[in-house]
C-alpha cells in the first residue's frame, strides 16, 4: 500500500513529542545546576535568579500591562553578574509590548519575552511578536477568536510554524505570552488587552541549596531525577529515530523517499524536515 501524507503527520508528531521531552530534560538539568551552584556548560547568557512577572503596587506604573521584578543574570559581555532591571521592577505599556500593529479587535496575538544582552544596548527585556515561519519579516500573526484561549495556548506551546526574531547579540526566552485583544489602536486610553504569560524561565547555577539538611535530602533527589529523565529521553530518542528510519526506508515509496517528496503536492511538515536533515542527513 502506498504511503500518504497522514504518515508524515504521524512522524512529525513523534518528533514534536521528542522535543517536549528534551525540554523536560533541560528543566531537570537547570534544577540540578541551580541546586549545586554549578553550570555543566558555559553559556553566553543565562538567568541566575528572578525576573518574575509581578503585579506592581507602584502607582507610577498604573498604565503598565506587564511588570517584572529584579533578576540576576550572567552574560559573556560582562565580567560580573548583572542586575536586570536597574530598579526594583520595570513595567511596560500595551503599546511597548504590541507596537505599531494596525487597529484590530477580537483576536489573539502570540509573543515572547526575551532577556537580551547586547554590546550596544546592554542587558534588557525585549518583546517579539509571532510571525509565520514562511514570512519571518512580515506582519505579526493575528488569530481570530474562533478558538478559545486554551487552544491558543496549545498553539504557542507546540507550533513549529511560528517565528520569533530579535536583533540582539545574545538572547534567552523567559516567557511566552498570548495577547487576548478585545480592541487595540496603539493608544493606552482605548485599548483593551489581556495578557496571559507562560513562564519558561530556567534559573541556573548560582545560589544553590546551602542549608545542610535541605542540601542532603533535596539535592540528591534532584540529581537522581535528572539522571532518570535523561535515560528516558535517550530511550525515546533512539526509538523515534528507528521508527522514522524504517518509515523513510520503506519500499513503498515511488521511486524512492527523497524523489517522492521532492515532487509531492504537499511538503513535509517543517519540524520533520529539520529532523530528517539533522538526524538522518536527508535534505529535501
Protein backbone atom coordinates (compact mmCIF):
# COMPACT_ATOMS: atom_id res chain seq x y z
CA UNK A 1 0.00 0.00 0.00
CA UNK A 2 1.36 3.41 -0.95
CA UNK A 3 2.28 5.89 1.76
CA UNK A 4 0.25 9.06 2.20
CA UNK A 5 0.57 12.43 3.88
CA UNK A 6 -1.06 11.18 7.08
CA UNK A 7 2.04 9.09 7.75
CA UNK A 8 4.18 12.25 7.58
CA UNK A 9 1.94 13.94 10.15
CA UNK A 10 2.38 10.94 12.44
CA UNK A 11 6.17 11.09 12.10
CA UNK A 12 6.12 14.84 12.73
CA UNK A 13 4.11 14.30 15.92
CA UNK A 14 6.75 11.83 17.10
CA UNK A 15 9.43 14.49 16.64
CA UNK A 16 7.33 17.12 18.43
CA UNK A 17 6.85 14.73 21.35
CA UNK A 18 10.61 14.17 21.45
CA UNK A 19 11.12 17.95 21.55
CA UNK A 20 8.83 18.17 24.58
CA UNK A 21 10.86 15.51 26.36
CA UNK A 22 14.08 17.36 25.50
CA UNK A 23 12.58 20.44 27.13
CA UNK A 24 11.87 18.38 30.25
CA UNK A 25 15.49 17.20 30.31
CA UNK A 26 16.70 20.81 30.17
CA UNK A 27 14.36 21.74 33.03
CA UNK A 28 15.78 18.90 35.12
CA UNK A 29 19.32 19.97 34.23
CA UNK A 30 18.57 23.58 35.22
CA UNK A 31 17.23 22.35 38.58
CA UNK A 32 20.41 20.35 39.14
CA UNK A 33 22.67 23.25 38.17
CA UNK A 34 20.77 25.58 40.47
CA UNK A 35 20.86 23.11 43.37
CA UNK A 36 24.60 22.55 43.01
CA UNK A 37 25.52 26.18 42.21
CA UNK A 38 27.36 24.75 39.23
CA UNK A 39 27.00 25.16 35.48
CA UNK A 40 27.56 21.98 33.46
CA UNK A 41 28.48 24.11 30.41
CA UNK A 42 29.39 27.73 29.83
CA UNK A 43 26.61 29.77 28.23
CA UNK A 44 26.74 33.19 26.61
CA UNK A 45 23.68 34.27 28.57
CA UNK A 46 21.83 32.72 31.46
CA UNK A 47 19.34 33.64 34.14
CA UNK A 48 20.65 33.16 37.65
CA UNK A 49 17.62 34.31 39.58
CA UNK A 50 14.39 36.28 39.41
CA UNK A 51 12.76 38.46 36.71
CA UNK A 52 9.40 37.23 37.96
CA UNK A 53 6.18 38.56 36.49
CA UNK A 54 4.61 40.67 39.26
CA UNK A 55 1.57 42.81 39.97
CA UNK A 56 3.08 46.19 40.67
CA UNK A 57 1.93 48.22 43.66
CA UNK A 58 3.68 51.31 42.31
CA UNK A 59 1.11 53.95 41.38
CA UNK A 60 3.55 55.38 38.84
CA UNK A 61 3.18 52.15 36.86
CA UNK A 62 -0.63 52.10 36.77
CA UNK A 63 -0.66 52.22 32.94
CA UNK A 64 1.66 49.23 32.55
CA UNK A 65 0.13 45.93 31.48
CA UNK A 66 3.20 43.79 32.24
CA UNK A 67 5.64 44.23 35.11
CA UNK A 68 8.75 42.25 36.05
CA UNK A 69 10.78 42.19 39.25
CA UNK A 70 14.54 42.31 39.71
CA UNK A 71 16.72 39.47 38.49
CA UNK A 72 20.35 38.49 38.29
CA UNK A 73 21.95 37.34 35.06
CA UNK A 74 25.28 36.15 33.71
CA UNK A 75 26.45 37.30 30.27
CA UNK A 76 29.57 36.78 28.21
CA UNK A 77 29.64 40.55 27.64
CA UNK A 78 30.33 41.32 31.31
CA UNK A 79 32.96 40.13 33.77
CA UNK A 80 30.49 40.46 36.65
CA UNK A 81 26.90 39.37 37.14
CA UNK A 82 24.34 41.97 36.07
CA UNK A 83 21.07 43.04 37.73
CA UNK A 84 18.06 43.45 35.44
CA UNK A 85 16.18 45.74 35.58
CA UNK A 86 18.21 48.57 37.10
CA UNK A 87 15.41 49.43 39.55
CA UNK A 88 13.39 47.05 41.71
CA UNK A 89 10.86 46.50 38.93
CA UNK A 90 10.08 47.51 35.38
CA UNK A 91 6.74 47.85 33.64
CA UNK A 92 5.65 48.04 30.02
CA UNK A 93 2.60 49.64 28.44
CA UNK A 94 0.42 47.84 25.92
CA UNK A 95 1.98 49.85 23.08
CA UNK A 96 5.51 48.94 24.21
CA UNK A 97 4.52 45.27 24.02
CA UNK A 98 2.41 45.21 20.84
CA UNK A 99 3.98 48.10 18.95
CA UNK A 100 2.51 49.61 15.81
CA UNK A 101 0.02 46.90 14.85
CA UNK A 102 -2.90 48.29 12.88
CA UNK A 103 -6.17 48.86 14.71
CA UNK A 104 -7.78 45.48 15.42
CA UNK A 105 -10.35 43.76 17.60
CA UNK A 106 -11.34 40.28 18.79
CA UNK A 107 -8.15 38.36 18.12
CA UNK A 108 -5.11 36.72 19.67
CA UNK A 109 -1.51 37.81 19.20
CA UNK A 110 1.34 35.50 20.19
CA UNK A 111 4.65 36.74 21.52
CA UNK A 112 7.74 36.05 23.60
CA UNK A 113 9.65 37.98 26.24
CA UNK A 114 13.40 37.64 25.77
CA UNK A 115 16.22 38.52 28.12
CA UNK A 116 18.84 40.08 25.87
CA UNK A 117 22.48 41.11 26.16
CA UNK A 118 24.00 43.38 23.54
CA UNK A 119 27.23 45.35 23.28
CA UNK A 120 25.27 48.47 22.27
CA UNK A 121 22.02 48.29 24.25
CA UNK A 122 23.28 46.36 27.28
CA UNK A 123 21.01 43.96 29.17
CA UNK A 124 17.24 44.36 28.90
CA UNK A 125 13.93 42.64 28.26
CA UNK A 126 12.66 42.73 24.68
CA UNK A 127 9.38 41.62 23.12
CA UNK A 128 8.98 39.68 19.89
CA UNK A 129 5.62 39.05 18.22
CA UNK A 130 4.97 35.84 16.31
CA UNK A 131 5.15 35.83 12.54
CA UNK A 132 4.64 32.95 10.10
CA UNK A 133 7.83 30.96 9.70
CA UNK A 134 7.29 31.29 5.93
CA UNK A 135 7.42 35.11 6.26
CA UNK A 136 9.52 35.96 9.35
CA UNK A 137 9.89 39.59 8.30
CA UNK A 138 6.21 40.10 7.56
CA UNK A 139 3.39 41.41 9.72
CA UNK A 140 2.69 39.88 13.14
CA UNK A 141 0.30 36.95 13.06
CA UNK A 142 -3.23 37.63 14.33
CA UNK A 143 -5.53 34.71 15.12
CA UNK A 144 -9.32 35.07 15.18
CA UNK A 145 -11.15 34.29 18.41
CA UNK A 146 -12.89 31.41 16.68
CA UNK A 147 -10.70 29.34 19.04
CA UNK A 148 -10.65 29.58 22.84
CA UNK A 149 -7.72 30.69 24.97
CA UNK A 150 -6.76 27.09 25.84
CA UNK A 151 -6.40 26.20 22.16
CA UNK A 152 -4.40 29.38 21.62
CA UNK A 153 -2.08 28.34 24.45
CA UNK A 154 -1.61 24.90 22.89
CA UNK A 155 -0.64 26.58 19.60
CA UNK A 156 2.04 28.80 21.11
CA UNK A 157 3.43 25.94 23.20
CA UNK A 158 3.76 23.42 20.38
CA UNK A 159 3.55 25.05 16.95
CA UNK A 160 6.64 24.88 14.75
CA UNK A 161 5.12 27.33 12.26
CA UNK A 162 5.78 30.47 14.32
CA UNK A 163 8.85 32.68 14.06
CA UNK A 164 10.10 34.97 16.85
CA UNK A 165 13.07 37.19 15.99
CA UNK A 166 15.35 39.67 17.72
CA UNK A 167 18.46 41.50 16.55
CA UNK A 168 20.30 41.27 19.89
CA UNK A 169 23.71 39.61 20.20
CA UNK A 170 22.57 37.13 22.86
CA UNK A 171 19.02 36.39 23.88
CA UNK A 172 17.18 33.93 26.09
CA UNK A 173 13.47 33.16 26.21
CA UNK A 174 11.85 33.92 29.56
CA UNK A 175 8.13 33.93 28.80
CA UNK A 176 5.67 33.16 26.06
CA UNK A 177 2.53 35.26 26.04
CA UNK A 178 -0.89 35.43 24.46
CA UNK A 179 -2.42 38.88 23.99
CA UNK A 180 -6.20 38.46 24.16
CA UNK A 181 -7.26 41.57 22.26
CA UNK A 182 -10.75 42.99 22.58
CA UNK A 183 -9.63 46.21 20.94
CA UNK A 184 -6.25 47.77 20.12
CA UNK A 185 -5.48 51.05 18.37
CA UNK A 186 -1.95 51.85 19.68
CA UNK A 187 -3.34 54.01 22.48
CA UNK A 188 -3.46 53.25 26.18
CA UNK A 189 -6.79 55.03 26.58
CA UNK A 190 -8.81 52.95 24.11
CA UNK A 191 -7.02 49.58 24.04
CA UNK A 192 -8.45 46.60 25.89
CA UNK A 193 -5.91 43.75 26.00
CA UNK A 194 -5.47 40.90 28.50
CA UNK A 195 -2.09 39.16 28.63
CA UNK A 196 -1.59 35.52 29.57
CA UNK A 197 2.02 34.72 30.42
CA UNK A 198 3.56 31.25 30.14
CA UNK A 199 6.63 31.02 32.36
CA UNK A 200 9.62 29.48 30.55
CA UNK A 201 12.37 30.69 32.91
CA UNK A 202 15.14 28.25 33.84
CA UNK A 203 17.30 29.75 36.61
CA UNK A 204 20.67 28.01 36.71
CA UNK A 205 23.72 27.56 38.93
CA UNK A 206 24.23 30.40 41.37
CA UNK A 207 22.67 30.40 44.86
CA UNK A 208 22.22 26.66 45.41
CA UNK A 209 20.81 24.94 48.49
CA UNK A 210 23.31 25.88 51.17
CA UNK A 211 21.38 24.71 54.24
CA UNK A 212 22.85 21.33 55.24
CA UNK A 213 19.66 19.30 55.73
CA UNK A 214 17.99 20.66 52.60
CA UNK A 215 21.13 20.00 50.59
CA UNK A 216 21.44 16.44 51.87
CA UNK A 217 17.82 15.49 51.17
CA UNK A 218 16.78 17.59 48.19
CA UNK A 219 19.94 17.79 46.08
CA UNK A 220 20.42 14.02 45.88
CA UNK A 221 16.81 13.66 44.70
CA UNK A 222 17.30 16.33 42.04
CA UNK A 223 20.43 14.57 40.74
CA UNK A 224 18.60 11.22 40.55
CA UNK A 225 15.67 12.88 38.81
CA UNK A 226 17.92 14.36 36.12
CA UNK A 227 19.62 11.00 35.53
CA UNK A 228 16.25 9.21 35.23
CA UNK A 229 14.75 11.77 32.84
CA UNK A 230 17.90 11.74 30.70
CA UNK A 231 17.74 7.96 30.43
CA UNK A 232 14.07 8.08 29.41
CA UNK A 233 14.85 10.75 26.82
CA UNK A 234 17.67 8.72 25.27
CA UNK A 235 15.38 5.71 25.01
CA UNK A 236 12.66 7.81 23.34
CA UNK A 237 15.23 9.40 21.04
CA UNK A 238 16.52 6.04 19.83
CA UNK A 239 13.01 4.65 19.32
CA UNK A 240 11.95 7.76 17.39
CA UNK A 241 14.97 7.51 15.11
CA UNK A 242 14.35 3.79 14.49
CA UNK A 243 10.68 4.39 13.61
CA UNK A 244 11.39 7.29 11.27
CA UNK A 245 14.32 5.46 9.66
CA UNK A 246 12.06 2.49 8.91
CA UNK A 247 9.41 4.85 7.53
CA UNK A 248 11.96 6.54 5.26
CA UNK A 249 13.40 3.21 4.15
CA UNK A 250 10.06 1.65 3.26
CA UNK A 251 9.96 0.04 -0.18
CA UNK A 252 6.53 1.57 -0.86
CA UNK A 253 7.94 4.98 -1.86
CA UNK A 254 7.84 5.52 -5.63
CA UNK A 255 10.51 5.71 -6.91
CA UNK A 256 12.24 6.48 -3.58
CA UNK A 257 11.62 8.59 -0.48
CA UNK A 258 13.55 11.72 -1.49
CA UNK A 259 12.24 11.85 -5.06
CA UNK A 260 8.67 11.22 -3.87
CA UNK A 261 8.67 14.22 -1.52
CA UNK A 262 10.52 16.48 -3.93
CA UNK A 263 7.63 16.03 -6.37
CA UNK A 264 4.73 15.65 -3.94
CA UNK A 265 1.87 18.12 -3.97
CA UNK A 266 2.29 18.67 -0.20
CA UNK A 267 5.56 19.45 1.55
CA UNK A 268 6.69 17.66 4.67
CA UNK A 269 5.92 19.38 7.99
CA UNK A 270 8.59 21.91 8.98
CA UNK A 271 9.85 20.17 12.11
CA UNK A 272 10.05 16.78 10.38
CA UNK A 273 12.08 18.35 7.57
CA UNK A 274 14.64 19.72 10.01
CA UNK A 275 14.79 16.37 11.86
CA UNK A 276 15.44 14.45 8.65
CA UNK A 277 18.26 16.85 7.80
CA UNK A 278 19.95 16.88 11.22
CA UNK A 279 19.46 13.25 12.29
CA UNK A 280 19.37 11.29 9.00
CA UNK A 281 21.23 13.67 6.66
CA UNK A 282 18.26 13.70 4.27
CA UNK A 283 17.70 17.07 2.64
CA UNK A 284 14.54 17.62 0.61
